[in-house]
Every structure is written in C-alpha cells, then in structure tokens.
C-alpha cells in the first residue's frame, strides 16, 4: 500500500506527496486516488478505451500508451510544484485568444516542459 509521506502545504494542490508507484494499473490507480481522486473517472474511462482498442486491434500498444500517459499524470499530480506549473500553463492556454499569441506559445512551452520533466523521472 502506498503511504502519505509529508504534507506540502501548497494551496490548491493535493496536500501530500506520495512515493512513486509501480507502473501497473492498480498501483497507478491507488496513487491517483491519493493525490488527485477527482481524476479517477478520467483515468478509468481512458483505461477502458485503451483495453477496448487493444482487443479491437489485437495489440497491446493502446495499453502501453495508457500506462505511459497515466504514469506521467501521476508523477505530475504527486509533485505539487509540477502540478501548480501545469495548472498555471493550462489556465493561460484557456484564457488565450489565438494560438499565435505570445502568452499561448509560452504556456504551451511550459506545459511541454512540465510533461517532459515528469517523463524523465
């Protein structure tokens, strides 16, 4: 079982940091339930879609892709600094007027940087 290790005190972000989970569906689900339970339905819908596609295509690639995406998502959610950076970038993207605005491009670059950092971990 994954345990909570320390409170972060970051406003608006889940208040606990958890150990990095194993890269299995159950471990990722358990970790997400601790750091971002509001995203569990999203994760489950994506998992169901991935398993359906895997069956249709007779390929494990959709399941592998799901694991990669949700490993990254859990990594971001369990690290409050990354979660805050991502949320700020998403807020700017949603408020931007056009994809050529400098603020839009900067926010998109920041979003990619957050995702890249999570993937490297």
PDB file of N, CA and C in Angstrom:
ATOM      1  N   UNK A   1       0.835  -1.181   0.000  1.00  0.00           N
ATOM      2  CA  UNK A   1       0.000   0.000   0.000  1.00  0.00           C
ATOM      3  C   UNK A   1       0.876   1.238   0.000  1.00  0.00           C
ATOM      4  N   UNK A   2       0.457   2.250  -0.725  1.00  0.00           N
ATOM      5  CA  UNK A   2       1.210   3.477  -0.828  1.00  0.00           C
ATOM      6  C   UNK A   2       0.826   4.365   0.334  1.00  0.00           C
ATOM      7  N   UNK A   3       1.811   4.904   1.036  1.00  0.00           N
ATOM      8  CA  UNK A   3       1.503   5.759   2.171  1.00  0.00           C
ATOM      9  C   UNK A   3       1.830   7.209   1.899  1.00  0.00           C
ATOM     10  N   UNK A   4       1.205   8.082   2.640  1.00  0.00           N
ATOM     11  CA  UNK A   4       1.487   9.505   2.543  1.00  0.00           C
ATOM     12  C   UNK A   4       2.757   9.761   3.331  1.00  0.00           C
ATOM     13  N   UNK A   5       3.659  10.567   2.765  1.00  0.00           N
ATOM     14  CA  UNK A   5       4.917  10.798   3.445  1.00  0.00           C
ATOM     15  C   UNK A   5       5.038  12.163   4.081  1.00  0.00           C
ATOM     16  N   UNK A   6       4.540  13.216   3.440  1.00  0.00           N
ATOM     17  CA  UNK A   6       4.718  14.542   4.022  1.00  0.00           C
ATOM     18  C   UNK A   6       3.699  15.503   3.457  1.00  0.00           C
ATOM     19  N   UNK A   7       3.240  16.404   4.295  1.00  0.00           N
ATOM     20  CA  UNK A   7       2.333  17.444   3.822  1.00  0.00           C
ATOM     21  C   UNK A   7       3.131  18.479   3.044  1.00  0.00           C
ATOM     22  N   UNK A   8       2.523  19.023   2.004  1.00  0.00           N
ATOM     23  CA  UNK A   8       3.230  20.001   1.188  1.00  0.00           C
ATOM     24  C   UNK A   8       2.830  21.418   1.505  1.00  0.00           C
ATOM     25  N   UNK A   9       1.598  21.647   1.911  1.00  0.00           N
ATOM     26  CA  UNK A   9       1.148  22.981   2.212  1.00  0.00           C
ATOM     27  C   UNK A   9       0.979  23.873   1.000  1.00  0.00           C
ATOM     28  N   UNK A  10       0.940  23.310  -0.202  1.00  0.00           N
ATOM     29  CA  UNK A  10       0.762  24.106  -1.410  1.00  0.00           C
ATOM     30  C   UNK A  10      -0.721  24.340  -1.618  1.00  0.00           C
ATOM     31  N   UNK A  11      -1.174  25.610  -1.597  1.00  0.00           N
ATOM     32  CA  UNK A  11      -2.610  25.869  -1.749  1.00  0.00           C
ATOM     33  C   UNK A  11      -3.141  25.393  -3.106  1.00  0.00           C
ATOM     34  N   UNK A  12      -4.332  24.812  -3.087  1.00  0.00           N
ATOM     35  CA  UNK A  12      -4.976  24.398  -4.329  1.00  0.00           C
ATOM     36  C   UNK A  12      -4.422  23.132  -4.943  1.00  0.00           C
ATOM     37  N   UNK A  13      -3.485  22.493  -4.280  1.00  0.00           N
ATOM     38  CA  UNK A  13      -2.864  21.264  -4.787  1.00  0.00           C
ATOM     39  C   UNK A  13      -3.036  20.206  -3.705  1.00  0.00           C
ATOM     40  N   UNK A  14      -3.247  18.954  -4.078  1.00  0.00           N
ATOM     41  CA  UNK A  14      -3.337  17.925  -3.044  1.00  0.00           C
ATOM     42  C   UNK A  14      -2.220  18.085  -2.017  1.00  0.00           C
ATOM     43  N   UNK A  15      -2.534  17.948  -0.765  1.00  0.00           N
ATOM     44  CA  UNK A  15      -1.606  18.293   0.303  1.00  0.00           C
ATOM     45  C   UNK A  15      -0.622  17.235   0.710  1.00  0.00           C
ATOM     46  N   UNK A  16      -0.440  16.183  -0.047  1.00  0.00           N
ATOM     47  CA  UNK A  16       0.506  15.148   0.355  1.00  0.00           C
ATOM     48  C   UNK A  16       1.346  14.693  -0.820  1.00  0.00           C
ATOM     49  N   UNK A  17       2.572  14.354  -0.521  1.00  0.00           N
ATOM     50  CA  UNK A  17       3.462  13.762  -1.517  1.00  0.00           C
ATOM     51  C   UNK A  17       3.545  12.278  -1.211  1.00  0.00           C
ATOM     52  N   UNK A  18       3.418  11.460  -2.230  1.00  0.00           N
ATOM     53  CA  UNK A  18       3.456  10.008  -2.040  1.00  0.00           C
ATOM     54  C   UNK A  18       4.657   9.441  -2.777  1.00  0.00           C
ATOM     55  N   UNK A  19       5.088   8.270  -2.398  1.00  0.00           N
ATOM     56  CA  UNK A  19       6.177   7.626  -3.138  1.00  0.00           C
ATOM     57  C   UNK A  19       5.755   7.338  -4.582  1.00  0.00           C
ATOM     58  N   UNK A  20       6.713   7.260  -5.466  1.00  0.00           N
ATOM     59  CA  UNK A  20       6.419   6.930  -6.859  1.00  0.00           C
ATOM     60  C   UNK A  20       5.857   5.510  -6.912  1.00  0.00           C
ATOM     61  N   UNK A  21       4.706   5.330  -7.538  1.00  0.00           N
ATOM     62  CA  UNK A  21       4.106   3.994  -7.601  1.00  0.00           C
ATOM     63  C   UNK A  21       4.770   3.133  -8.684  1.00  0.00           C
ATOM     64  N   UNK A  22       4.538   1.841  -8.570  1.00  0.00           N
ATOM     65  CA  UNK A  22       4.948   0.933  -9.647  1.00  0.00           C
ATOM     66  C   UNK A  22       4.136   1.276 -10.891  1.00  0.00           C
ATOM     67  N   UNK A  23       4.653   0.908 -12.024  1.00  0.00           N
ATOM     68  CA  UNK A  23       3.972   1.211 -13.291  1.00  0.00           C
ATOM     69  C   UNK A  23       3.007   0.080 -13.649  1.00  0.00           C
ATOM     70  N   UNK A  24       2.004  -0.076 -12.799  1.00  0.00           N
ATOM     71  CA  UNK A  24       0.954  -1.061 -13.030  1.00  0.00           C
ATOM     72  C   UNK A  24      -0.390  -0.344 -12.885  1.00  0.00           C
ATOM     73  N   UNK A  25      -1.426  -0.849 -13.536  1.00  0.00           N
ATOM     74  CA  UNK A  25      -2.730  -0.194 -13.419  1.00  0.00           C
ATOM     75  C   UNK A  25      -3.196  -0.027 -11.971  1.00  0.00           C
ATOM     76  N   UNK A  26      -3.059  -1.051 -11.155  1.00  0.00           N
ATOM     77  CA  UNK A  26      -3.521  -0.962  -9.773  1.00  0.00           C
ATOM     78  C   UNK A  26      -2.730   0.057  -8.970  1.00  0.00           C
ATOM     79  N   UNK A  27      -1.411   0.050  -9.109  1.00  0.00           N
ATOM     80  CA  UNK A  27      -0.571   0.994  -8.361  1.00  0.00           C
ATOM     81  C   UNK A  27      -0.825   2.431  -8.806  1.00  0.00           C
ATOM     82  N   UNK A  28      -1.000   2.642 -10.099  1.00  0.00           N
ATOM     83  CA  UNK A  28      -1.293   3.987 -10.588  1.00  0.00           C
ATOM     84  C   UNK A  28      -2.650   4.463 -10.093  1.00  0.00           C
ATOM     85  N   UNK A  29      -3.637   3.580 -10.096  1.00  0.00           N
ATOM     86  CA  UNK A  29      -4.971   3.941  -9.608  1.00  0.00           C
ATOM     87  C   UNK A  29      -4.902   4.319  -8.133  1.00  0.00           C
ATOM     88  N   UNK A  30      -4.195   3.515  -7.336  1.00  0.00           N
ATOM     89  CA  UNK A  30      -4.069   3.773  -5.902  1.00  0.00           C
ATOM     90  C   UNK A  30      -3.372   5.123  -5.670  1.00  0.00           C
ATOM     91  N   UNK A  31      -2.327   5.376  -6.404  1.00  0.00           N
ATOM     92  CA  UNK A  31      -1.598   6.641  -6.247  1.00  0.00           C
ATOM     93  C   UNK A  31      -2.485   7.824  -6.627  1.00  0.00           C
ATOM     94  N   UNK A  32      -3.175   7.711  -7.745  1.00  0.00           N
ATOM     95  CA  UNK A  32      -4.044   8.808  -8.177  1.00  0.00           C
ATOM     96  C   UNK A  32      -5.170   9.028  -7.175  1.00  0.00           C
ATOM     97  N   UNK A  33      -5.665   7.956  -6.573  1.00  0.00           N
ATOM     98  CA  UNK A  33      -6.736   8.104  -5.571  1.00  0.00           C
ATOM     99  C   UNK A  33      -6.245   8.905  -4.372  1.00  0.00           C
ATOM    100  N   UNK A  34      -4.947   8.927  -4.133  1.00  0.00           N
ATOM    101  CA  UNK A  34      -4.369   9.668  -3.017  1.00  0.00           C
ATOM    102  C   UNK A  34      -4.096  11.123  -3.365  1.00  0.00           C
ATOM    103  N   UNK A  35      -3.623  11.379  -4.580  1.00  0.00           N
ATOM    104  CA  UNK A  35      -3.183  12.745  -4.912  1.00  0.00           C
ATOM    105  C   UNK A  35      -4.175  13.528  -5.750  1.00  0.00           C
ATOM    106  N   UNK A  36      -5.030  12.854  -6.489  1.00  0.00           N
ATOM    107  CA  UNK A  36      -5.994  13.548  -7.355  1.00  0.00           C
ATOM    108  C   UNK A  36      -7.223  12.673  -7.576  1.00  0.00           C
ATOM    109  N   UNK A  37      -7.963  12.383  -6.517  1.00  0.00           N
ATOM    110  CA  UNK A  37      -9.108  11.489  -6.659  1.00  0.00           C
ATOM    111  C   UNK A  37     -10.158  11.994  -7.647  1.00  0.00           C
ATOM    112  N   UNK A  38     -10.204  13.290  -7.855  1.00  0.00           N
ATOM    113  CA  UNK A  38     -11.159  13.850  -8.818  1.00  0.00           C
ATOM    114  C   UNK A  38     -10.860  13.412 -10.248  1.00  0.00           C
ATOM    115  N   UNK A  39      -9.679  12.840 -10.502  1.00  0.00           N
ATOM    116  CA  UNK A  39      -9.302  12.401 -11.841  1.00  0.00           C
ATOM    117  C   UNK A  39      -9.494  10.904 -12.068  1.00  0.00           C
ATOM    118  N   UNK A  40      -9.971  10.177 -11.067  1.00  0.00           N
ATOM    119  CA  UNK A  40     -10.105   8.725 -11.196  1.00  0.00           C
ATOM    120  C   UNK A  40     -11.057   8.321 -12.322  1.00  0.00           C
ATOM    121  N   UNK A  41     -12.177   8.999 -12.461  1.00  0.00           N
ATOM    122  CA  UNK A  41     -13.120   8.640 -13.541  1.00  0.00           C
ATOM    123  C   UNK A  41     -12.466   8.850 -14.907  1.00  0.00           C
ATOM    124  N   UNK A  42     -11.710   9.927 -15.047  1.00  0.00           N
ATOM    125  CA  UNK A  42     -10.982  10.192 -16.299  1.00  0.00           C
ATOM    126  C   UNK A  42     -10.005   9.054 -16.591  1.00  0.00           C
ATOM    127  N   UNK A  43      -9.271   8.646 -15.563  1.00  0.00           N
ATOM    128  CA  UNK A  43      -8.317   7.555 -15.716  1.00  0.00           C
ATOM    129  C   UNK A  43      -9.026   6.261 -16.106  1.00  0.00           C
ATOM    130  N   UNK A  44     -10.129   5.964 -15.447  1.00  0.00           N
ATOM    131  CA  UNK A  44     -10.859   4.725 -15.712  1.00  0.00           C
ATOM    132  C   UNK A  44     -11.454   4.716 -17.118  1.00  0.00           C
ATOM    133  N   UNK A  45     -11.979   5.861 -17.559  1.00  0.00           N
ATOM    134  CA  UNK A  45     -12.508   5.938 -18.937  1.00  0.00           C
ATOM    135  C   UNK A  45     -11.380   5.706 -19.948  1.00  0.00           C
ATOM    136  N   UNK A  46     -10.236   6.320 -19.700  1.00  0.00           N
ATOM    137  CA  UNK A  46      -9.096   6.143 -20.610  1.00  0.00           C
ATOM    138  C   UNK A  46      -8.628   4.684 -20.607  1.00  0.00           C
ATOM    139  N   UNK A  47      -8.620   4.056 -19.430  1.00  0.00           N
ATOM    140  CA  UNK A  47      -8.229   2.641 -19.335  1.00  0.00           C
ATOM    141  C   UNK A  47      -9.195   1.758 -20.113  1.00  0.00           C
ATOM    142  N   UNK A  48     -10.490   2.006 -19.942  1.00  0.00           N
ATOM    143  CA  UNK A  48     -11.489   1.205 -20.648  1.00  0.00           C
ATOM    144  C   UNK A  48     -11.342   1.363 -22.162  1.00  0.00           C
ATOM    145  N   UNK A  49     -11.100   2.576 -22.605  1.00  0.00           N
ATOM    146  CA  UNK A  49     -10.883   2.829 -24.033  1.00  0.00           C
ATOM    147  C   UNK A  49      -9.640   2.095 -24.517  1.00  0.00           C
ATOM    148  N   UNK A  50      -8.563   2.173 -23.745  1.00  0.00           N
ATOM    149  CA  UNK A  50      -7.313   1.508 -24.132  1.00  0.00           C
ATOM    150  C   UNK A  50      -7.503  -0.011 -24.242  1.00  0.00           C
ATOM    151  N   UNK A  51      -8.197  -0.595 -23.294  1.00  0.00           N
ATOM    152  CA  UNK A  51      -8.406  -2.044 -23.337  1.00  0.00           C
ATOM    153  C   UNK A  51      -9.316  -2.439 -24.508  1.00  0.00           C
ATOM    154  N   UNK A  52     -10.317  -1.618 -24.787  1.00  0.00           N
ATOM    155  CA  UNK A  52     -11.180  -1.898 -25.940  1.00  0.00           C
ATOM    156  C   UNK A  52     -10.397  -1.823 -27.246  1.00  0.00           C
ATOM    157  N   UNK A  53      -9.581  -0.787 -27.384  1.00  0.00           N
ATOM    158  CA  UNK A  53      -8.754  -0.652 -28.592  1.00  0.00           C
ATOM    159  C   UNK A  53      -7.767  -1.805 -28.712  1.00  0.00           C
ATOM    160  N   UNK A  54      -7.197  -2.219 -27.597  1.00  0.00           N
ATOM    161  CA  UNK A  54      -6.252  -3.343 -27.620  1.00  0.00           C
ATOM    162  C   UNK A  54      -6.929  -4.603 -28.140  1.00  0.00           C
ATOM    163  N   UNK A  55      -8.158  -4.829 -27.704  1.00  0.00           N
ATOM    164  CA  UNK A  55      -8.897  -6.006 -28.166  1.00  0.00           C
ATOM    165  C   UNK A  55      -9.252  -5.885 -29.647  1.00  0.00           C
ATOM    166  N   UNK A  56      -9.719  -4.702 -30.056  1.00  0.00           N
ATOM    167  CA  UNK A  56     -10.082  -4.488 -31.467  1.00  0.00           C
ATOM    168  C   UNK A  56      -8.890  -4.665 -32.399  1.00  0.00           C
ATOM    169  N   UNK A  57      -7.761  -4.135 -31.975  1.00  0.00           N
ATOM    170  CA  UNK A  57      -6.563  -4.124 -32.838  1.00  0.00           C
ATOM    171  C   UNK A  57      -5.661  -5.332 -32.625  1.00  0.00           C
ATOM    172  N   UNK A  58      -6.001  -6.148 -31.638  1.00  0.00           N
ATOM    173  CA  UNK A  58      -5.155  -7.290 -31.288  1.00  0.00           C
ATOM    174  C   UNK A  58      -3.722  -6.816 -31.048  1.00  0.00           C
ATOM    175  N   UNK A  59      -3.607  -5.760 -30.233  1.00  0.00           N
ATOM    176  CA  UNK A  59      -2.312  -5.131 -29.968  1.00  0.00           C
ATOM    177  C   UNK A  59      -2.286  -4.608 -28.533  1.00  0.00           C
ATOM    178  N   UNK A  60      -1.152  -4.709 -27.900  1.00  0.00           N
ATOM    179  CA  UNK A  60      -1.004  -4.169 -26.561  1.00  0.00           C
ATOM    180  C   UNK A  60      -0.602  -2.695 -26.573  1.00  0.00           C
ATOM    181  N   UNK A  61      -0.373  -2.127 -27.733  1.00  0.00           N
ATOM    182  CA  UNK A  61       0.065  -0.727 -27.828  1.00  0.00           C
ATOM    183  C   UNK A  61      -0.881   0.248 -27.114  1.00  0.00           C
ATOM    184  N   UNK A  62      -2.204   0.158 -27.257  1.00  0.00           N
ATOM    185  CA  UNK A  62      -3.068   1.101 -26.523  1.00  0.00           C
ATOM    186  C   UNK A  62      -2.919   0.992 -25.001  1.00  0.00           C
ATOM    187  N   UNK A  63      -2.678  -0.199 -24.505  1.00  0.00           N
ATOM    188  CA  UNK A  63      -2.491  -0.373 -23.064  1.00  0.00           C
ATOM    189  C   UNK A  63      -1.146   0.224 -22.649  1.00  0.00           C
ATOM    190  N   UNK A  64      -0.130  -0.009 -23.458  1.00  0.00           N
ATOM    191  CA  UNK A  64       1.187   0.576 -23.181  1.00  0.00           C
ATOM    192  C   UNK A  64       1.091   2.096 -23.169  1.00  0.00           C
ATOM    193  N   UNK A  65       0.401   2.667 -24.130  1.00  0.00           N
ATOM    194  CA  UNK A  65       0.243   4.122 -24.207  1.00  0.00           C
ATOM    195  C   UNK A  65      -0.493   4.646 -22.971  1.00  0.00           C
ATOM    196  N   UNK A  66      -1.544   3.918 -22.541  1.00  0.00           N
ATOM    197  CA  UNK A  66      -2.274   4.309 -21.341  1.00  0.00           C
ATOM    198  C   UNK A  66      -1.342   4.327 -20.130  1.00  0.00           C
ATOM    199  N   UNK A  67      -0.513   3.303 -20.006  1.00  0.00           N
ATOM    200  CA  UNK A  67       0.431   3.256 -18.886  1.00  0.00           C
ATOM    201  C   UNK A  67       1.403   4.433 -18.925  1.00  0.00           C
ATOM    202  N   UNK A  68       1.899   4.771 -20.096  1.00  0.00           N
ATOM    203  CA  UNK A  68       2.828   5.900 -20.234  1.00  0.00           C
ATOM    204  C   UNK A  68       2.135   7.202 -19.825  1.00  0.00           C
ATOM    205  N   UNK A  69       0.944   7.430 -20.351  1.00  0.00           N
ATOM    206  CA  UNK A  69       0.209   8.668 -20.052  1.00  0.00           C
ATOM    207  C   UNK A  69      -0.096   8.775 -18.566  1.00  0.00           C
ATOM    208  N   UNK A  70      -0.601   7.718 -17.972  1.00  0.00           N
ATOM    209  CA  UNK A  70      -1.013   7.816 -16.571  1.00  0.00           C
ATOM    210  C   UNK A  70       0.155   7.730 -15.605  1.00  0.00           C
ATOM    211  N   UNK A  71       1.257   7.147 -16.008  1.00  0.00           N
ATOM    212  CA  UNK A  71       2.469   7.235 -15.192  1.00  0.00           C
ATOM    213  C   UNK A  71       2.911   8.693 -15.136  1.00  0.00           C
ATOM    214  N   UNK A  72       2.870   9.364 -16.287  1.00  0.00           N
ATOM    215  CA  UNK A  72       3.221  10.788 -16.344  1.00  0.00           C
ATOM    216  C   UNK A  72       2.246  11.618 -15.515  1.00  0.00           C
ATOM    217  N   UNK A  73       0.951  11.355 -15.660  1.00  0.00           N
ATOM    218  CA  UNK A  73      -0.050  12.133 -14.937  1.00  0.00           C
ATOM    219  C   UNK A  73       0.097  11.969 -13.423  1.00  0.00           C
ATOM    220  N   UNK A  74       0.314  10.759 -12.959  1.00  0.00           N
ATOM    221  CA  UNK A  74       0.502  10.533 -11.527  1.00  0.00           C
ATOM    222  C   UNK A  74       1.777  11.223 -11.050  1.00  0.00           C
ATOM    223  N   UNK A  75       2.824  11.178 -11.847  1.00  0.00           N
ATOM    224  CA  UNK A  75       4.079  11.845 -11.483  1.00  0.00           C
ATOM    225  C   UNK A  75       3.846  13.347 -11.299  1.00  0.00           C
ATOM    226  N   UNK A  76       3.089  13.954 -12.184  1.00  0.00           N
ATOM    227  CA  UNK A  76       2.795  15.383 -12.058  1.00  0.00           C
ATOM    228  C   UNK A  76       1.941  15.630 -10.819  1.00  0.00           C
ATOM    229  N   UNK A  77       0.917  14.847 -10.636  1.00  0.00           N
ATOM    230  CA  UNK A  77      -0.004  15.066  -9.519  1.00  0.00           C
ATOM    231  C   UNK A  77       0.646  14.832  -8.160  1.00  0.00           C
ATOM    232  N   UNK A  78       1.620  13.925  -8.088  1.00  0.00           N
ATOM    233  CA  UNK A  78       2.253  13.643  -6.792  1.00  0.00           C
ATOM    234  C   UNK A  78       3.338  14.655  -6.452  1.00  0.00           C
ATOM    235  N   UNK A  79       3.678  15.517  -7.393  1.00  0.00           N
ATOM    236  CA  UNK A  79       4.701  16.551  -7.181  1.00  0.00           C
ATOM    237  C   UNK A  79       4.027  17.920  -7.287  1.00  0.00           C
ATOM    238  N   UNK A  80       3.638  18.485  -6.170  1.00  0.00           N
ATOM    239  CA  UNK A  80       2.858  19.722  -6.171  1.00  0.00           C
ATOM    240  C   UNK A  80       3.453  20.848  -7.026  1.00  0.00           C
ATOM    241  N   UNK A  81       4.758  20.980  -7.042  1.00  0.00           N
ATOM    242  CA  UNK A  81       5.370  22.041  -7.843  1.00  0.00           C
ATOM    243  C   UNK A  81       5.050  21.853  -9.320  1.00  0.00           C
ATOM    244  N   UNK A  82       5.122  20.620  -9.789  1.00  0.00           N
ATOM    245  CA  UNK A  82       4.785  20.350 -11.194  1.00  0.00           C
ATOM    246  C   UNK A  82       3.298  20.556 -11.447  1.00  0.00           C
ATOM    247  N   UNK A  83       2.471  20.116 -10.514  1.00  0.00           N
ATOM    248  CA  UNK A  83       1.018  20.271 -10.684  1.00  0.00           C
ATOM    249  C   UNK A  83       0.631  21.749 -10.769  1.00  0.00           C
ATOM    250  N   UNK A  84       1.264  22.573  -9.957  1.00  0.00           N
ATOM    251  CA  UNK A  84       0.982  24.013  -9.983  1.00  0.00           C
ATOM    252  C   UNK A  84       1.444  24.615 -11.306  1.00  0.00           C
ATOM    253  N   UNK A  85       2.646  24.252 -11.737  1.00  0.00           N
ATOM    254  CA  UNK A  85       3.143  24.767 -13.022  1.00  0.00           C
ATOM    255  C   UNK A  85       2.208  24.377 -14.161  1.00  0.00           C
ATOM    256  N   UNK A  86       1.768  23.122 -14.156  1.00  0.00           N
ATOM    257  CA  UNK A  86       0.869  22.673 -15.218  1.00  0.00           C
ATOM    258  C   UNK A  86      -0.449  23.446 -15.178  1.00  0.00           C
ATOM    259  N   UNK A  87      -1.015  23.597 -13.987  1.00  0.00           N
ATOM    260  CA  UNK A  87      -2.295  24.288 -13.883  1.00  0.00           C
ATOM    261  C   UNK A  87      -2.185  25.738 -14.343  1.00  0.00           C
ATOM    262  N   UNK A  88      -1.100  26.391 -13.992  1.00  0.00           N
ATOM    263  CA  UNK A  88      -0.907  27.779 -14.443  1.00  0.00           C
ATOM    264  C   UNK A  88      -0.814  27.844 -15.961  1.00  0.00           C
ATOM    265  N   UNK A  89      -0.088  26.925 -16.554  1.00  0.00           N
ATOM    266  CA  UNK A  89       0.037  26.900 -18.020  1.00  0.00           C
ATOM    267  C   UNK A  89      -1.319  26.629 -18.664  1.00  0.00           C
ATOM    268  N   UNK A  90      -2.066  25.691 -18.115  1.00  0.00           N
ATOM    269  CA  UNK A  90      -3.398  25.390 -18.660  1.00  0.00           C
ATOM    270  C   UNK A  90      -4.335  26.584 -18.529  1.00  0.00           C
ATOM    271  N   UNK A  91      -4.250  27.284 -17.414  1.00  0.00           N
ATOM    272  CA  UNK A  91      -5.082  28.479 -17.227  1.00  0.00           C
ATOM    273  C   UNK A  91      -4.795  29.514 -18.306  1.00  0.00           C
ATOM    274  N   UNK A  92      -3.523  29.734 -18.600  1.00  0.00           N
ATOM    275  CA  UNK A  92      -3.147  30.696 -19.649  1.00  0.00           C
ATOM    276  C   UNK A  92      -3.643  30.209 -21.008  1.00  0.00           C
ATOM    277  N   UNK A  93      -3.475  28.927 -21.289  1.00  0.00           N
ATOM    278  CA  UNK A  93      -3.938  28.382 -22.569  1.00  0.00           C
ATOM    279  C   UNK A  93      -5.435  28.583 -22.745  1.00  0.00           C
ATOM    280  N   UNK A  94      -6.188  28.373 -21.690  1.00  0.00           N
ATOM    281  CA  UNK A  94      -7.644  28.512 -21.773  1.00  0.00           C
ATOM    282  C   UNK A  94      -8.086  29.967 -21.902  1.00  0.00           C
ATOM    283  N   UNK A  95      -7.274  30.888 -21.404  1.00  0.00           N
ATOM    284  CA  UNK A  95      -7.614  32.313 -21.492  1.00  0.00           C
ATOM    285  C   UNK A  95      -7.065  32.983 -22.743  1.00  0.00           C
ATOM    286  N   UNK A  96      -6.171  32.323 -23.440  1.00  0.00           N
ATOM    287  CA  UNK A  96      -5.519  32.937 -24.598  1.00  0.00           C
ATOM    288  C   UNK A  96      -6.486  33.133 -25.750  1.00  0.00           C
ATOM    289  N   UNK A  97      -6.219  34.180 -26.498  1.00  0.00           N
ATOM    290  CA  UNK A  97      -7.030  34.497 -27.681  1.00  0.00           C
ATOM    291  C   UNK A  97      -6.194  34.203 -28.920  1.00  0.00           C
ATOM    292  N   UNK A  98      -6.218  32.959 -29.336  1.00  0.00           N
ATOM    293  CA  UNK A  98      -5.487  32.569 -30.533  1.00  0.00           C
ATOM    294  C   UNK A  98      -4.192  31.851 -30.221  1.00  0.00           C
ATOM    295  N   UNK A  99      -3.862  30.947 -31.093  1.00  0.00           N
ATOM    296  CA  UNK A  99      -2.684  30.108 -30.873  1.00  0.00           C
ATOM    297  C   UNK A  99      -1.378  30.793 -31.259  1.00  0.00           C
ATOM    298  N   UNK A 100      -1.445  31.991 -31.798  1.00  0.00           N
ATOM    299  CA  UNK A 100      -0.215  32.694 -32.150  1.00  0.00           C
ATOM    300  C   UNK A 100       0.172  33.740 -31.104  1.00  0.00           C
ATOM    301  N   UNK A 101      -0.669  33.934 -30.088  1.00  0.00           N
ATOM    302  CA  UNK A 101      -0.356  34.901 -29.037  1.00  0.00           C
ATOM    303  C   UNK A 101       0.886  34.445 -28.282  1.00  0.00           C
ATOM    304  N   UNK A 102       1.779  35.394 -27.955  1.00  0.00           N
ATOM    305  CA  UNK A 102       2.995  35.029 -27.215  1.00  0.00           C
ATOM    306  C   UNK A 102       2.697  34.296 -25.910  1.00  0.00           C
ATOM    307  N   UNK A 103       1.657  34.708 -25.198  1.00  0.00           N
ATOM    308  CA  UNK A 103       1.313  34.042 -23.934  1.00  0.00           C
ATOM    309  C   UNK A 103       0.906  32.592 -24.178  1.00  0.00           C
ATOM    310  N   UNK A 104       0.194  32.343 -25.263  1.00  0.00           N
ATOM    311  CA  UNK A 104      -0.217  30.978 -25.603  1.00  0.00           C
ATOM    312  C   UNK A 104       1.018  30.118 -25.866  1.00  0.00           C
ATOM    313  N   UNK A 105       1.927  30.635 -26.677  1.00  0.00           N
ATOM    314  CA  UNK A 105       3.142  29.866 -27.013  1.00  0.00           C
ATOM    315  C   UNK A 105       3.991  29.600 -25.775  1.00  0.00           C
ATOM    316  N   UNK A 106       4.112  30.598 -24.896  1.00  0.00           N
ATOM    317  CA  UNK A 106       4.890  30.418 -23.663  1.00  0.00           C
ATOM    318  C   UNK A 106       4.234  29.379 -22.759  1.00  0.00           C
ATOM    319  N   UNK A 107       2.915  29.432 -22.638  1.00  0.00           N
ATOM    320  CA  UNK A 107       2.206  28.469 -21.796  1.00  0.00           C
ATOM    321  C   UNK A 107       2.310  27.057 -22.367  1.00  0.00           C
ATOM    322  N   UNK A 108       2.240  26.941 -23.685  1.00  0.00           N
ATOM    323  CA  UNK A 108       2.376  25.636 -24.317  1.00  0.00           C
ATOM    324  C   UNK A 108       3.784  25.072 -24.081  1.00  0.00           C
ATOM    325  N   UNK A 109       4.779  25.931 -24.176  1.00  0.00           N
ATOM    326  CA  UNK A 109       6.161  25.501 -23.909  1.00  0.00           C
ATOM    327  C   UNK A 109       6.310  25.059 -22.450  1.00  0.00           C
ATOM    328  N   UNK A 110       5.683  25.783 -21.532  1.00  0.00           N
ATOM    329  CA  UNK A 110       5.748  25.416 -20.122  1.00  0.00           C
ATOM    330  C   UNK A 110       5.042  24.082 -19.876  1.00  0.00           C
ATOM    331  N   UNK A 111       3.906  23.880 -20.510  1.00  0.00           N
ATOM    332  CA  UNK A 111       3.192  22.615 -20.377  1.00  0.00           C
ATOM    333  C   UNK A 111       4.054  21.456 -20.870  1.00  0.00           C
ATOM    334  N   UNK A 112       4.687  21.644 -21.996  1.00  0.00           N
ATOM    335  CA  UNK A 112       5.593  20.597 -22.517  1.00  0.00           C
ATOM    336  C   UNK A 112       6.761  20.357 -21.569  1.00  0.00           C
ATOM    337  N   UNK A 113       7.300  21.427 -20.981  1.00  0.00           N
ATOM    338  CA  UNK A 113       8.422  21.285 -20.043  1.00  0.00           C
ATOM    339  C   UNK A 113       8.000  20.490 -18.807  1.00  0.00           C
ATOM    340  N   UNK A 114       6.809  20.749 -18.299  1.00  0.00           N
ATOM    341  CA  UNK A 114       6.294  20.008 -17.143  1.00  0.00           C
ATOM    342  C   UNK A 114       6.155  18.531 -17.498  1.00  0.00           C
ATOM    343  N   UNK A 115       5.554  18.250 -18.644  1.00  0.00           N
ATOM    344  CA  UNK A 115       5.361  16.855 -19.057  1.00  0.00           C
ATOM    345  C   UNK A 115       6.701  16.157 -19.288  1.00  0.00           C
ATOM    346  N   UNK A 116       7.648  16.875 -19.911  1.00  0.00           N
ATOM    347  CA  UNK A 116       8.979  16.298 -20.137  1.00  0.00           C
ATOM    348  C   UNK A 116       9.675  15.973 -18.813  1.00  0.00           C
ATOM    349  N   UNK A 117       9.565  16.884 -17.852  1.00  0.00           N
ATOM    350  CA  UNK A 117      10.185  16.634 -16.542  1.00  0.00           C
ATOM    351  C   UNK A 117       9.567  15.410 -15.877  1.00  0.00           C
ATOM    352  N   UNK A 118       8.263  15.291 -15.958  1.00  0.00           N
ATOM    353  CA  UNK A 118       7.585  14.134 -15.355  1.00  0.00           C
ATOM    354  C   UNK A 118       8.001  12.836 -16.041  1.00  0.00           C
ATOM    355  N   UNK A 119       8.121  12.875 -17.352  1.00  0.00           N
ATOM    356  CA  UNK A 119       8.518  11.682 -18.099  1.00  0.00           C
ATOM    357  C   UNK A 119       9.952  11.278 -17.761  1.00  0.00           C
ATOM    358  N   UNK A 120      10.845  12.261 -17.635  1.00  0.00           N
ATOM    359  CA  UNK A 120      12.244  11.949 -17.291  1.00  0.00           C
ATOM    360  C   UNK A 120      12.359  11.250 -15.960  1.00  0.00           C
ATOM    361  N   UNK A 121      11.475  11.574 -15.043  1.00  0.00           N
ATOM    362  CA  UNK A 121      11.520  10.946 -13.723  1.00  0.00           C
ATOM    363  C   UNK A 121      11.134   9.497 -13.832  1.00  0.00           C
TER     364      UNK A 121
END
